[in-house]
Amino acid sequence: MKTISILIPCYNEEENVEPISQAVIGVLDKDLPGYDYELVFIDNDSQDNTRPILRRLCNENPRIKAIFNARNFGQFNSPYHGLLQVTGDCVIAMVADFQDPVELIPEYVKAWEEGYKIVIGIKTSSKENPVMYWLRSCYYKIIRKLSDVEQIEHFTGSGLYDREFIEVLRKLDDPTPFLRGIVAELGYKRKEIPYEQPKRRAGKTHNNFYRLYDAAMLSVTSYTKAGLRLATFVGAVSCGISMIVAFAYLVMKLIWWDRFPAGMTPMLLGMLFLGSVQIFFIGMVGEYVLSINQRVMKRPLVIEEERLNFSNGPEQGPAVTDFTAKEPEDR
């Protein structure tokens, strides 16, 4: 009997973890009775009652498992680490707030049985803020044009991944993984299933401006050269324009020195313009340097504080992602 792993990352989702577990198990029991399953929550250091609820769920059902991170390791590292810890023949990743519909699970599995090793959900519309959806659409169109690698529009990471692809992820040894880009760059032939994104069932979204900016810049610095190339081109053009303006100003000053207005206004304006351009692109280059620095430091994806219902490893104590493991039993 094949085993399906369901991975649900969570952070301060006390109102959602129990309903999502009931909904997922209900779909599996009703539509996929011929499969075994495990439901794995990876908690990113929640500060509410999420962990006590998960402890109770794990005590009530041995098929529900939980990983508690020692602290918040970010919106990318925690889910990626979770993907490497599951034991099923495939894993379905979805969020705890019901914005990835549980009704998609049978469709994912059906496509998987047809031979697709990657089956992903693509948002065609959203019941959330329409302005945010439009801004995301603009971002995806821009990044697709700038990137050297295909970028998948309106793909959040939700979908089904075969065990073979999980082993590909294990070998990457990337301390700052961007799953959406990895699926597009290194993934197998995939099937895309469209869906309308519903509103959050409960609670507040944690996607503030900083998190959205972090996601955007990770995509830019990982899969585009546009920032560095733009800095070079704009710098060269600005330098040329500045030299022309300076030469023209000198000529006019020599010819009409008695009628030419006194003061340093043109030069100051030019310095302010060039200074602002330089500061902007120094910041852009800094984003690339920061990305390189994080990769060079080789820090672990996640430090675990505790595990619940994992029979093939220590249930308590610190743990990190082991990129050298070859078989699921080694994790």
C-alpha atoms as a PDB file:
ATOM      1  CA  MET A   1       0.000   0.000   0.000  1.00  0.00           C
ATOM      2  CA  LYS A   2       1.362   3.398  -0.989  1.00  0.00           C
ATOM      3  CA  THR A   3       1.727   6.091   1.633  1.00  0.00           C
ATOM      4  CA  ILE A   4       0.778   9.733   1.095  1.00  0.00           C
ATOM      5  CA  SER A   5       2.430  12.339   3.291  1.00  0.00           C
ATOM      6  CA  ILE A   6       0.624  15.613   3.901  1.00  0.00           C
ATOM      7  CA  LEU A   7       2.934  18.423   5.041  1.00  0.00           C
ATOM      8  CA  ILE A   8       1.411  21.482   6.706  1.00  0.00           C
ATOM      9  CA  PRO A   9       3.772  24.252   7.885  1.00  0.00           C
ATOM     10  CA  CYS A  10       2.249  26.448  10.573  1.00  0.00           C
ATOM     11  CA  TYR A  11       2.972  29.527  12.638  1.00  0.00           C
ATOM     12  CA  ASN A  12       0.413  30.891  15.118  1.00  0.00           C
ATOM     13  CA  GLU A  13      -2.438  28.883  13.589  1.00  0.00           C
ATOM     14  CA  GLU A  14      -4.256  27.829  16.749  1.00  0.00           C
ATOM     15  CA  GLU A  15      -7.642  28.370  15.091  1.00  0.00           C
ATOM     16  CA  ASN A  16      -6.782  26.311  12.000  1.00  0.00           C
ATOM     17  CA  VAL A  17      -4.587  23.307  12.819  1.00  0.00           C
ATOM     18  CA  GLU A  18      -7.366  21.107  14.203  1.00  0.00           C
ATOM     19  CA  PRO A  19      -9.944  21.949  11.477  1.00  0.00           C
ATOM     20  CA  ILE A  20      -7.361  21.436   8.703  1.00  0.00           C
ATOM     21  CA  SER A  21      -6.343  18.068  10.159  1.00  0.00           C
ATOM     22  CA  GLN A  22      -9.999  16.980  10.286  1.00  0.00           C
ATOM     23  CA  ALA A  23     -10.620  18.193   6.737  1.00  0.00           C
ATOM     24  CA  VAL A  24      -7.527  16.483   5.301  1.00  0.00           C
ATOM     25  CA  ILE A  25      -8.205  13.177   7.069  1.00  0.00           C
ATOM     26  CA  GLY A  26     -11.834  13.339   5.937  1.00  0.00           C
ATOM     27  CA  VAL A  27     -10.806  13.720   2.293  1.00  0.00           C
ATOM     28  CA  LEU A  28      -8.241  10.915   2.562  1.00  0.00           C
ATOM     29  CA  ASP A  29     -10.682   8.512   4.207  1.00  0.00           C
ATOM     30  CA  LYS A  30     -13.485   9.312   1.766  1.00  0.00           C
ATOM     31  CA  ASP A  31     -11.732   9.733  -1.591  1.00  0.00           C
ATOM     32  CA  LEU A  32      -8.453   7.815  -1.130  1.00  0.00           C
ATOM     33  CA  PRO A  33      -9.231   4.811   1.105  1.00  0.00           C
ATOM     34  CA  GLY A  34      -6.686   2.637  -0.680  1.00  0.00           C
ATOM     35  CA  TYR A  35      -3.720   4.665   0.598  1.00  0.00           C
ATOM     36  CA  ASP A  36      -1.984   4.872   3.925  1.00  0.00           C
ATOM     37  CA  TYR A  37      -1.134   8.379   5.085  1.00  0.00           C
ATOM     38  CA  GLU A  38       0.774  10.505   7.549  1.00  0.00           C
ATOM     39  CA  LEU A  39      -0.113  14.103   8.400  1.00  0.00           C
ATOM     40  CA  VAL A  40       2.991  16.096   9.351  1.00  0.00           C
ATOM     41  CA  PHE A  41       2.861  19.548  10.912  1.00  0.00           C
ATOM     42  CA  ILE A  42       6.070  21.579  11.154  1.00  0.00           C
ATOM     43  CA  ASP A  43       5.652  24.440  13.593  1.00  0.00           C
ATOM     44  CA  ASN A  44       7.890  27.471  13.200  1.00  0.00           C
ATOM     45  CA  ASP A  45       7.998  28.455  16.885  1.00  0.00           C
ATOM     46  CA  SER A  46       4.372  29.530  17.321  1.00  0.00           C
ATOM     47  CA  GLN A  47       3.677  31.855  20.246  1.00  0.00           C
ATOM     48  CA  ASP A  48      -0.003  30.967  20.689  1.00  0.00           C
ATOM     49  CA  ASN A  49      -1.713  27.655  21.522  1.00  0.00           C
ATOM     50  CA  THR A  50      -0.732  25.938  18.280  1.00  0.00           C
ATOM     51  CA  ARG A  51       1.743  23.565  19.943  1.00  0.00           C
ATOM     52  CA  PRO A  52      -0.544  22.356  22.764  1.00  0.00           C
ATOM     53  CA  ILE A  53      -3.219  21.626  20.175  1.00  0.00           C
ATOM     54  CA  LEU A  54      -0.727  19.712  18.027  1.00  0.00           C
ATOM     55  CA  ARG A  55       0.386  17.697  21.060  1.00  0.00           C
ATOM     56  CA  ARG A  56      -3.204  16.681  21.710  1.00  0.00           C
ATOM     57  CA  LEU A  57      -3.788  15.758  18.061  1.00  0.00           C
ATOM     58  CA  CYS A  58      -0.638  13.618  18.030  1.00  0.00           C
ATOM     59  CA  ASN A  59      -1.737  11.834  21.207  1.00  0.00           C
ATOM     60  CA  GLU A  60      -5.141  11.094  19.697  1.00  0.00           C
ATOM     61  CA  ASN A  61      -3.917   9.902  16.292  1.00  0.00           C
ATOM     62  CA  PRO A  62      -0.502   8.261  15.748  1.00  0.00           C
ATOM     63  CA  ARG A  63      -0.701   9.118  12.044  1.00  0.00           C
ATOM     64  CA  ILE A  64      -0.470  12.801  12.927  1.00  0.00           C
ATOM     65  CA  LYS A  65       3.128  13.877  13.471  1.00  0.00           C
ATOM     66  CA  ALA A  66       4.692  17.161  14.510  1.00  0.00           C
ATOM     67  CA  ILE A  67       8.076  18.842  14.313  1.00  0.00           C
ATOM     68  CA  PHE A  68       8.690  21.812  16.617  1.00  0.00           C
ATOM     69  CA  ASN A  69      11.423  24.190  15.484  1.00  0.00           C
ATOM     70  CA  ALA A  70      13.673  25.749  18.119  1.00  0.00           C
ATOM     71  CA  ARG A  71      12.877  29.201  16.717  1.00  0.00           C
ATOM     72  CA  ASN A  72      11.314  30.800  13.654  1.00  0.00           C
ATOM     73  CA  PHE A  73      13.528  29.897  10.702  1.00  0.00           C
ATOM     74  CA  GLY A  74      11.540  31.753   8.073  1.00  0.00           C
ATOM     75  CA  GLN A  75       8.846  31.037   5.549  1.00  0.00           C
ATOM     76  CA  PHE A  76      11.097  29.099   3.151  1.00  0.00           C
ATOM     77  CA  ASN A  77      13.440  26.999   5.297  1.00  0.00           C
ATOM     78  CA  SER A  78      10.813  25.442   7.543  1.00  0.00           C
ATOM     79  CA  PRO A  79       8.584  23.960   4.792  1.00  0.00           C
ATOM     80  CA  TYR A  80      11.641  22.816   2.848  1.00  0.00           C
ATOM     81  CA  HIS A  81      13.000  21.022   5.919  1.00  0.00           C
ATOM     82  CA  GLY A  82       9.599  19.435   6.406  1.00  0.00           C
ATOM     83  CA  LEU A  83       9.645  18.040   2.868  1.00  0.00           C
ATOM     84  CA  LEU A  84      12.880  16.233   3.679  1.00  0.00           C
ATOM     85  CA  GLN A  85      11.444  14.625   6.839  1.00  0.00           C
ATOM     86  CA  VAL A  86       8.349  12.864   5.468  1.00  0.00           C
ATOM     87  CA  THR A  87       8.389   9.149   4.717  1.00  0.00           C
ATOM     88  CA  GLY A  88       5.620   8.725   2.142  1.00  0.00           C
ATOM     89  CA  ASP A  89       5.886   7.732  -1.504  1.00  0.00           C
ATOM     90  CA  CYS A  90       4.781  11.280  -2.256  1.00  0.00           C
ATOM     91  CA  VAL A  91       4.199  14.421  -0.216  1.00  0.00           C
ATOM     92  CA  ILE A  92       1.477  17.026  -0.618  1.00  0.00           C
ATOM     93  CA  ALA A  93       2.388  20.453   0.759  1.00  0.00           C
ATOM     94  CA  MET A  94      -0.380  22.830   1.761  1.00  0.00           C
ATOM     95  CA  VAL A  95      -0.960  25.719   4.172  1.00  0.00           C
ATOM     96  CA  ALA A  96      -2.887  25.522   7.430  1.00  0.00           C
ATOM     97  CA  ASP A  97      -5.305  28.382   6.736  1.00  0.00           C
ATOM     98  CA  PHE A  98      -7.363  26.538   4.056  1.00  0.00           C
ATOM     99  CA  GLN A  99      -6.135  28.803   1.238  1.00  0.00           C
ATOM    100  CA  ASP A 100      -4.914  25.633  -0.478  1.00  0.00           C
ATOM    101  CA  PRO A 101      -8.215  23.737  -0.922  1.00  0.00           C
ATOM    102  CA  VAL A 102      -8.175  20.224   0.529  1.00  0.00           C
ATOM    103  CA  GLU A 103     -10.435  19.179  -2.363  1.00  0.00           C
ATOM    104  CA  LEU A 104      -7.351  19.300  -4.594  1.00  0.00           C
ATOM    105  CA  ILE A 105      -5.746  16.333  -2.830  1.00  0.00           C
ATOM    106  CA  PRO A 106      -7.560  13.634  -4.878  1.00  0.00           C
ATOM    107  CA  GLU A 107      -6.773  15.540  -8.093  1.00  0.00           C
ATOM    108  CA  TYR A 108      -3.095  15.688  -7.153  1.00  0.00           C
ATOM    109  CA  VAL A 109      -2.991  11.957  -6.443  1.00  0.00           C
ATOM    110  CA  LYS A 110      -4.853  11.097  -9.653  1.00  0.00           C
ATOM    111  CA  ALA A 111      -2.300  13.019 -11.731  1.00  0.00           C
ATOM    112  CA  TRP A 112       0.519  11.380  -9.753  1.00  0.00           C
ATOM    113  CA  GLU A 113      -0.833   7.940 -10.568  1.00  0.00           C
ATOM    114  CA  GLU A 114      -0.911   8.990 -14.226  1.00  0.00           C
ATOM    115  CA  GLY A 115       2.873   9.342 -14.060  1.00  0.00           C
ATOM    116  CA  TYR A 116       3.519  12.968 -13.095  1.00  0.00           C
ATOM    117  CA  LYS A 117       6.167  13.297 -10.412  1.00  0.00           C
ATOM    118  CA  ILE A 118       5.227  16.916  -9.717  1.00  0.00           C
ATOM    119  CA  VAL A 119       1.640  18.174  -9.587  1.00  0.00           C
ATOM    120  CA  ILE A 120       1.187  21.796  -8.530  1.00  0.00           C
ATOM    121  CA  GLY A 121      -1.706  24.133  -7.879  1.00  0.00           C
ATOM    122  CA  ILE A 122      -1.904  27.403  -9.813  1.00  0.00           C
ATOM    123  CA  LYS A 123      -4.045  30.277  -8.581  1.00  0.00           C
ATOM    124  CA  THR A 124      -6.256  31.605 -11.380  1.00  0.00           C
ATOM    125  CA  SER A 125      -8.063  34.028  -9.065  1.00  0.00           C
ATOM    126  CA  SER A 126      -8.284  34.904  -5.408  1.00  0.00           C
ATOM    127  CA  LYS A 127     -10.994  35.890  -2.958  1.00  0.00           C
ATOM    128  CA  GLU A 128      -8.403  37.824  -1.000  1.00  0.00           C
ATOM    129  CA  ASN A 129      -7.479  41.463  -1.630  1.00  0.00           C
ATOM    130  CA  PRO A 130      -7.829  42.018  -5.425  1.00  0.00           C
ATOM    131  CA  VAL A 131      -5.148  44.715  -5.345  1.00  0.00           C
ATOM    132  CA  MET A 132      -2.628  42.280  -3.866  1.00  0.00           C
ATOM    133  CA  TYR A 133      -3.523  39.667  -6.463  1.00  0.00           C
ATOM    134  CA  TRP A 134      -2.979  42.251  -9.226  1.00  0.00           C
ATOM    135  CA  LEU A 135       0.372  43.299  -7.746  1.00  0.00           C
ATOM    136  CA  ARG A 136       1.439  39.670  -7.556  1.00  0.00           C
ATOM    137  CA  SER A 137       0.472  39.204 -11.204  1.00  0.00           C
ATOM    138  CA  CYS A 138       2.622  42.197 -12.170  1.00  0.00           C
ATOM    139  CA  TYR A 139       5.526  40.839 -10.153  1.00  0.00           C
ATOM    140  CA  TYR A 140       5.314  37.403 -11.780  1.00  0.00           C
ATOM    141  CA  LYS A 141       5.232  38.910 -15.266  1.00  0.00           C
ATOM    142  CA  ILE A 142       8.290  41.056 -14.512  1.00  0.00           C
ATOM    143  CA  ILE A 143      10.294  38.232 -12.941  1.00  0.00           C
ATOM    144  CA  ARG A 144       9.479  35.906 -15.854  1.00  0.00           C
ATOM    145  CA  LYS A 145      10.933  38.433 -18.285  1.00  0.00           C
ATOM    146  CA  LEU A 146      14.041  39.062 -16.188  1.00  0.00           C
ATOM    147  CA  SER A 147      14.819  35.508 -15.136  1.00  0.00           C
ATOM    148  CA  ASP A 148      17.120  33.145 -16.984  1.00  0.00           C
ATOM    149  CA  VAL A 149      14.992  30.279 -15.658  1.00  0.00           C
ATOM    150  CA  GLU A 150      11.296  29.702 -16.240  1.00  0.00           C
ATOM    151  CA  GLN A 151       9.220  31.095 -13.384  1.00  0.00           C
ATOM    152  CA  ILE A 152       5.788  29.654 -12.615  1.00  0.00           C
ATOM    153  CA  GLU A 153       3.135  32.336 -12.333  1.00  0.00           C
ATOM    154  CA  HIS A 154       0.904  32.272  -9.227  1.00  0.00           C
ATOM    155  CA  PHE A 155       2.539  29.142  -7.811  1.00  0.00           C
ATOM    156  CA  THR A 156       2.843  29.259  -4.022  1.00  0.00           C
ATOM    157  CA  GLY A 157       4.586  25.924  -3.465  1.00  0.00           C
ATOM    158  CA  SER A 158       1.410  23.941  -2.854  1.00  0.00           C
ATOM    159  CA  GLY A 159       1.299  20.652  -4.704  1.00  0.00           C
ATOM    160  CA  LEU A 160       2.366  17.026  -4.803  1.00  0.00           C
ATOM    161  CA  TYR A 161       6.000  15.933  -5.032  1.00  0.00           C
ATOM    162  CA  ASP A 162       7.126  12.384  -5.737  1.00  0.00           C
ATOM    163  CA  ARG A 163       9.760  10.712  -3.567  1.00  0.00           C
ATOM    164  CA  GLU A 164      12.260  10.923  -6.433  1.00  0.00           C
ATOM    165  CA  PHE A 165      11.986  14.702  -6.500  1.00  0.00           C
ATOM    166  CA  ILE A 166      12.359  14.868  -2.705  1.00  0.00           C
ATOM    167  CA  GLU A 167      15.670  13.047  -3.097  1.00  0.00           C
ATOM    168  CA  VAL A 168      16.700  15.680  -5.656  1.00  0.00           C
ATOM    169  CA  LEU A 169      15.951  18.370  -3.071  1.00  0.00           C
ATOM    170  CA  ARG A 170      18.025  16.497  -0.496  1.00  0.00           C
ATOM    171  CA  LYS A 171      21.122  16.677  -2.700  1.00  0.00           C
ATOM    172  CA  LEU A 172      20.959  20.417  -3.388  1.00  0.00           C
ATOM    173  CA  ASP A 173      22.651  21.508  -0.146  1.00  0.00           C
ATOM    174  CA  ASP A 174      21.151  25.002  -0.392  1.00  0.00           C
ATOM    175  CA  PRO A 175      20.821  26.850   2.954  1.00  0.00           C
ATOM    176  CA  THR A 176      18.422  29.408   1.416  1.00  0.00           C
ATOM    177  CA  PRO A 177      16.145  27.281  -0.799  1.00  0.00           C
ATOM    178  CA  PHE A 178      13.451  28.855  -2.955  1.00  0.00           C
ATOM    179  CA  LEU A 179      11.169  25.906  -3.732  1.00  0.00           C
ATOM    180  CA  ARG A 180       9.124  27.721  -6.385  1.00  0.00           C
ATOM    181  CA  GLY A 181      12.231  28.402  -8.435  1.00  0.00           C
ATOM    182  CA  ILE A 182      13.688  24.941  -7.817  1.00  0.00           C
ATOM    183  CA  VAL A 183      10.519  23.271  -9.128  1.00  0.00           C
ATOM    184  CA  ALA A 184      10.731  25.347 -12.297  1.00  0.00           C
ATOM    185  CA  GLU A 185      14.471  24.884 -12.781  1.00  0.00           C
ATOM    186  CA  LEU A 186      15.153  21.301 -11.687  1.00  0.00           C
ATOM    187  CA  GLY A 187      11.764  19.644 -11.462  1.00  0.00           C
ATOM    188  CA  TYR A 188      10.415  16.803 -13.562  1.00  0.00           C
ATOM    189  CA  LYS A 189       7.665  17.236 -16.106  1.00  0.00           C
ATOM    190  CA  ARG A 190       4.756  18.601 -14.099  1.00  0.00           C
ATOM    191  CA  LYS A 191       1.030  18.983 -14.260  1.00  0.00           C
ATOM    192  CA  GLU A 192      -0.609  22.244 -13.241  1.00  0.00           C
ATOM    193  CA  ILE A 193      -4.071  22.251 -11.661  1.00  0.00           C
ATOM    194  CA  PRO A 194      -5.872  25.616 -11.559  1.00  0.00           C
ATOM    195  CA  TYR A 195      -7.887  26.711  -8.549  1.00  0.00           C
ATOM    196  CA  GLU A 196      -9.431  29.799  -7.006  1.00  0.00           C
ATOM    197  CA  GLN A 197      -7.749  30.803  -3.776  1.00  0.00           C
ATOM    198  CA  PRO A 198     -10.314  31.114  -0.967  1.00  0.00           C
ATOM    199  CA  LYS A 199     -10.079  33.478   1.985  1.00  0.00           C
ATOM    200  CA  ARG A 200      -8.335  32.460   5.169  1.00  0.00           C
ATOM    201  CA  ARG A 201     -10.618  30.399   7.352  1.00  0.00           C
ATOM    202  CA  ALA A 202      -9.490  32.186  10.536  1.00  0.00           C
ATOM    203  CA  GLY A 203      -6.662  34.256  11.947  1.00  0.00           C
ATOM    204  CA  LYS A 204      -4.518  36.912  10.342  1.00  0.00           C
ATOM    205  CA  THR A 205      -2.098  36.487   7.478  1.00  0.00           C
ATOM    206  CA  HIS A 206       1.591  36.667   8.337  1.00  0.00           C
ATOM    207  CA  ASN A 207       2.542  37.903   4.857  1.00  0.00           C
ATOM    208  CA  ASN A 208       3.457  41.478   5.733  1.00  0.00           C
ATOM    209  CA  PHE A 209       5.473  43.793   3.493  1.00  0.00           C
ATOM    210  CA  TYR A 210       8.800  42.500   4.801  1.00  0.00           C
ATOM    211  CA  ARG A 211       7.924  38.855   4.090  1.00  0.00           C
ATOM    212  CA  LEU A 212       6.664  39.668   0.604  1.00  0.00           C
ATOM    213  CA  TYR A 213       9.794  41.736  -0.088  1.00  0.00           C
ATOM    214  CA  ASP A 214      11.977  38.901   1.205  1.00  0.00           C
ATOM    215  CA  ALA A 215      10.279  36.436  -1.142  1.00  0.00           C
ATOM    216  CA  ALA A 216      10.589  38.807  -4.100  1.00  0.00           C
ATOM    217  CA  MET A 217      14.279  39.535  -3.509  1.00  0.00           C
ATOM    218  CA  LEU A 218      15.130  35.854  -2.983  1.00  0.00           C
ATOM    219  CA  SER A 219      13.608  35.143  -6.374  1.00  0.00           C
ATOM    220  CA  VAL A 220      15.445  38.066  -7.996  1.00  0.00           C
ATOM    221  CA  THR A 221      18.868  37.297  -6.513  1.00  0.00           C
ATOM    222  CA  SER A 222      18.579  33.529  -7.092  1.00  0.00           C
ATOM    223  CA  TYR A 223      17.317  33.488 -10.661  1.00  0.00           C
ATOM    224  CA  THR A 224      18.118  36.793 -12.369  1.00  0.00           C
ATOM    225  CA  LYS A 225      21.152  38.858 -13.352  1.00  0.00           C
ATOM    226  CA  ALA A 226      18.944  41.830 -14.108  1.00  0.00           C
ATOM    227  CA  GLY A 227      19.828  43.827 -10.996  1.00  0.00           C
ATOM    228  CA  LEU A 228      23.570  43.693 -11.583  1.00  0.00           C
ATOM    229  CA  ARG A 229      23.266  44.254 -15.326  1.00  0.00           C
ATOM    230  CA  LEU A 230      20.925  47.197 -14.786  1.00  0.00           C
ATOM    231  CA  ALA A 231      23.373  48.734 -12.321  1.00  0.00           C
ATOM    232  CA  THR A 232      26.134  48.486 -14.926  1.00  0.00           C
ATOM    233  CA  PHE A 233      24.082  49.940 -17.770  1.00  0.00           C
ATOM    234  CA  VAL A 234      22.492  52.757 -15.783  1.00  0.00           C
ATOM    235  CA  GLY A 235      25.854  53.624 -14.253  1.00  0.00           C
ATOM    236  CA  ALA A 236      27.469  53.847 -17.695  1.00  0.00           C
ATOM    237  CA  VAL A 237      24.638  55.958 -19.139  1.00  0.00           C
ATOM    238  CA  SER A 238      24.597  58.280 -16.108  1.00  0.00           C
ATOM    239  CA  CYS A 239      28.353  58.708 -16.353  1.00  0.00           C
ATOM    240  CA  GLY A 240      28.112  59.617 -20.037  1.00  0.00           C
ATOM    241  CA  ILE A 241      25.287  62.097 -19.479  1.00  0.00           C
ATOM    242  CA  SER A 242      27.158  63.678 -16.574  1.00  0.00           C
ATOM    243  CA  MET A 243      30.280  64.182 -18.689  1.00  0.00           C
ATOM    244  CA  ILE A 244      28.268  65.779 -21.490  1.00  0.00           C
ATOM    245  CA  VAL A 245      26.448  68.106 -19.095  1.00  0.00           C
ATOM    246  CA  ALA A 246      29.698  69.040 -17.363  1.00  0.00           C
ATOM    247  CA  PHE A 247      31.403  69.806 -20.675  1.00  0.00           C
ATOM    248  CA  ALA A 248      28.429  71.869 -21.907  1.00  0.00           C
ATOM    249  CA  TYR A 249      28.330  73.775 -18.628  1.00  0.00           C
ATOM    250  CA  LEU A 250      32.066  74.540 -18.906  1.00  0.00           C
ATOM    251  CA  VAL A 251      31.724  75.780 -22.488  1.00  0.00           C
ATOM    252  CA  MET A 252      28.755  78.028 -21.673  1.00  0.00           C
ATOM    253  CA  LYS A 253      30.548  79.360 -18.631  1.00  0.00           C
ATOM    254  CA  LEU A 254      33.615  80.289 -20.717  1.00  0.00           C
ATOM    255  CA  ILE A 255      31.622  81.912 -23.511  1.00  0.00           C
ATOM    256  CA  TRP A 256      29.007  83.752 -21.481  1.00  0.00           C
ATOM    257  CA  TRP A 257      30.911  84.069 -18.232  1.00  0.00           C
ATOM    258  CA  ASP A 258      29.628  87.598 -17.550  1.00  0.00           C
ATOM    259  CA  ARG A 259      25.970  86.681 -18.171  1.00  0.00           C
ATOM    260  CA  PHE A 260      25.996  83.104 -16.918  1.00  0.00           C
ATOM    261  CA  PRO A 261      24.217  82.718 -13.573  1.00  0.00           C
ATOM    262  CA  ALA A 262      26.513  82.304 -10.623  1.00  0.00           C
ATOM    263  CA  GLY A 263      26.262  79.477  -8.124  1.00  0.00           C
ATOM    264  CA  MET A 264      26.678  75.741  -8.020  1.00  0.00           C
ATOM    265  CA  THR A 265      23.022  74.751  -8.593  1.00  0.00           C
ATOM    266  CA  PRO A 266      23.535  72.633 -11.736  1.00  0.00           C
ATOM    267  CA  MET A 267      26.461  70.805 -10.203  1.00  0.00           C
ATOM    268  CA  LEU A 268      24.588  70.159  -6.971  1.00  0.00           C
ATOM    269  CA  LEU A 269      21.577  68.807  -8.849  1.00  0.00           C
ATOM    270  CA  GLY A 270      23.835  66.532 -10.847  1.00  0.00           C
ATOM    271  CA  MET A 271      25.581  65.277  -7.711  1.00  0.00           C
ATOM    272  CA  LEU A 272      22.258  64.578  -6.007  1.00  0.00           C
ATOM    273  CA  PHE A 273      20.999  62.654  -9.031  1.00  0.00           C
ATOM    274  CA  LEU A 274      24.146  60.574  -9.376  1.00  0.00           C
ATOM    275  CA  GLY A 275      24.277  59.986  -5.629  1.00  0.00           C
ATOM    276  CA  SER A 276      20.731  58.671  -5.532  1.00  0.00           C
ATOM    277  CA  VAL A 277      21.427  56.355  -8.483  1.00  0.00           C
ATOM    278  CA  GLN A 278      24.551  55.040  -6.775  1.00  0.00           C
ATOM    279  CA  ILE A 279      22.803  54.438  -3.459  1.00  0.00           C
ATOM    280  CA  PHE A 280      19.969  52.553  -5.180  1.00  0.00           C
ATOM    281  CA  PHE A 281      22.285  50.200  -7.006  1.00  0.00           C
ATOM    282  CA  ILE A 282      24.595  49.755  -4.040  1.00  0.00           C
ATOM    283  CA  GLY A 283      21.489  48.470  -2.257  1.00  0.00           C
ATOM    284  CA  MET A 284      20.713  46.180  -5.189  1.00  0.00           C
ATOM    285  CA  VAL A 285      24.246  44.796  -5.208  1.00  0.00           C
ATOM    286  CA  GLY A 286      23.957  44.415  -1.431  1.00  0.00           C
ATOM    287  CA  GLU A 287      20.954  42.104  -1.893  1.00  0.00           C
ATOM    288  CA  TYR A 288      23.065  39.835  -4.099  1.00  0.00           C
ATOM    289  CA  VAL A 289      25.933  39.932  -1.602  1.00  0.00           C
ATOM    290  CA  LEU A 290      23.538  39.068   1.222  1.00  0.00           C
ATOM    291  CA  SER A 291      22.247  36.087  -0.762  1.00  0.00           C
ATOM    292  CA  ILE A 292      25.797  34.913  -1.446  1.00  0.00           C
ATOM    293  CA  ASN A 293      26.742  35.369   2.208  1.00  0.00           C
ATOM    294  CA  GLN A 294      23.844  33.245   3.414  1.00  0.00           C
ATOM    295  CA  ARG A 295      24.802  30.452   1.048  1.00  0.00           C
ATOM    296  CA  VAL A 296      28.502  30.579   1.920  1.00  0.00           C
ATOM    297  CA  MET A 297      27.838  30.394   5.679  1.00  0.00           C
ATOM    298  CA  LYS A 298      26.288  26.911   5.194  1.00  0.00           C
ATOM    299  CA  ARG A 299      24.056  27.155   8.221  1.00  0.00           C
ATOM    300  CA  PRO A 300      21.452  24.399   8.715  1.00  0.00           C
ATOM    301  CA  LEU A 301      17.955  24.906   7.405  1.00  0.00           C
ATOM    302  CA  VAL A 302      16.313  24.279  10.761  1.00  0.00           C
ATOM    303  CA  ILE A 303      17.187  23.311  14.315  1.00  0.00           C
ATOM    304  CA  GLU A 304      14.521  21.048  15.751  1.00  0.00           C
ATOM    305  CA  GLU A 305      13.433  21.264  19.362  1.00  0.00           C
ATOM    306  CA  GLU A 306      11.135  18.252  19.464  1.00  0.00           C
ATOM    307  CA  ARG A 307       9.455  15.583  17.347  1.00  0.00           C
ATOM    308  CA  LEU A 308       6.182  13.818  18.014  1.00  0.00           C
ATOM    309  CA  ASN A 309       5.133  10.382  16.657  1.00  0.00           C
ATOM    310  CA  PHE A 310       8.292   9.893  14.585  1.00  0.00           C
ATOM    311  CA  SER A 311       9.251   6.269  15.254  1.00  0.00           C
ATOM    312  CA  ASN A 312      12.339   6.308  13.000  1.00  0.00           C
ATOM    313  CA  GLY A 313      14.275   8.979  14.854  1.00  0.00           C
ATOM    314  CA  PRO A 314      14.710  10.714  18.208  1.00  0.00           C
ATOM    315  CA  GLU A 315      11.514  12.368  19.355  1.00  0.00           C
ATOM    316  CA  GLN A 316      13.258  15.038  21.374  1.00  0.00           C
ATOM    317  CA  GLY A 317      16.440  17.038  21.212  1.00  0.00           C
ATOM    318  CA  PRO A 318      17.989  19.245  18.535  1.00  0.00           C
ATOM    319  CA  ALA A 319      18.066  18.037  14.967  1.00  0.00           C
ATOM    320  CA  VAL A 320      19.059  19.511  11.636  1.00  0.00           C
ATOM    321  CA  THR A 321      18.488  18.630   8.036  1.00  0.00           C
ATOM    322  CA  ASP A 322      20.969  15.927   7.022  1.00  0.00           C
ATOM    323  CA  PHE A 323      21.749  16.476   3.366  1.00  0.00           C
ATOM    324  CA  THR A 324      23.966  13.413   3.234  1.00  0.00           C
ATOM    325  CA  ALA A 325      21.209  10.929   4.016  1.00  0.00           C
ATOM    326  CA  LYS A 326      20.337   8.705   1.086  1.00  0.00           C
ATOM    327  CA  GLU A 327      17.368   6.759   2.396  1.00  0.00           C
ATOM    328  CA  PRO A 328      14.280   7.913   4.295  1.00  0.00           C
ATOM    329  CA  GLU A 329      15.269   5.689   7.256  1.00  0.00           C
ATOM    330  CA  ASP A 330      18.437   7.794   7.796  1.00  0.00           C
ATOM    331  CA  ARG A 331      16.553  10.961   8.629  1.00  0.00           C
END
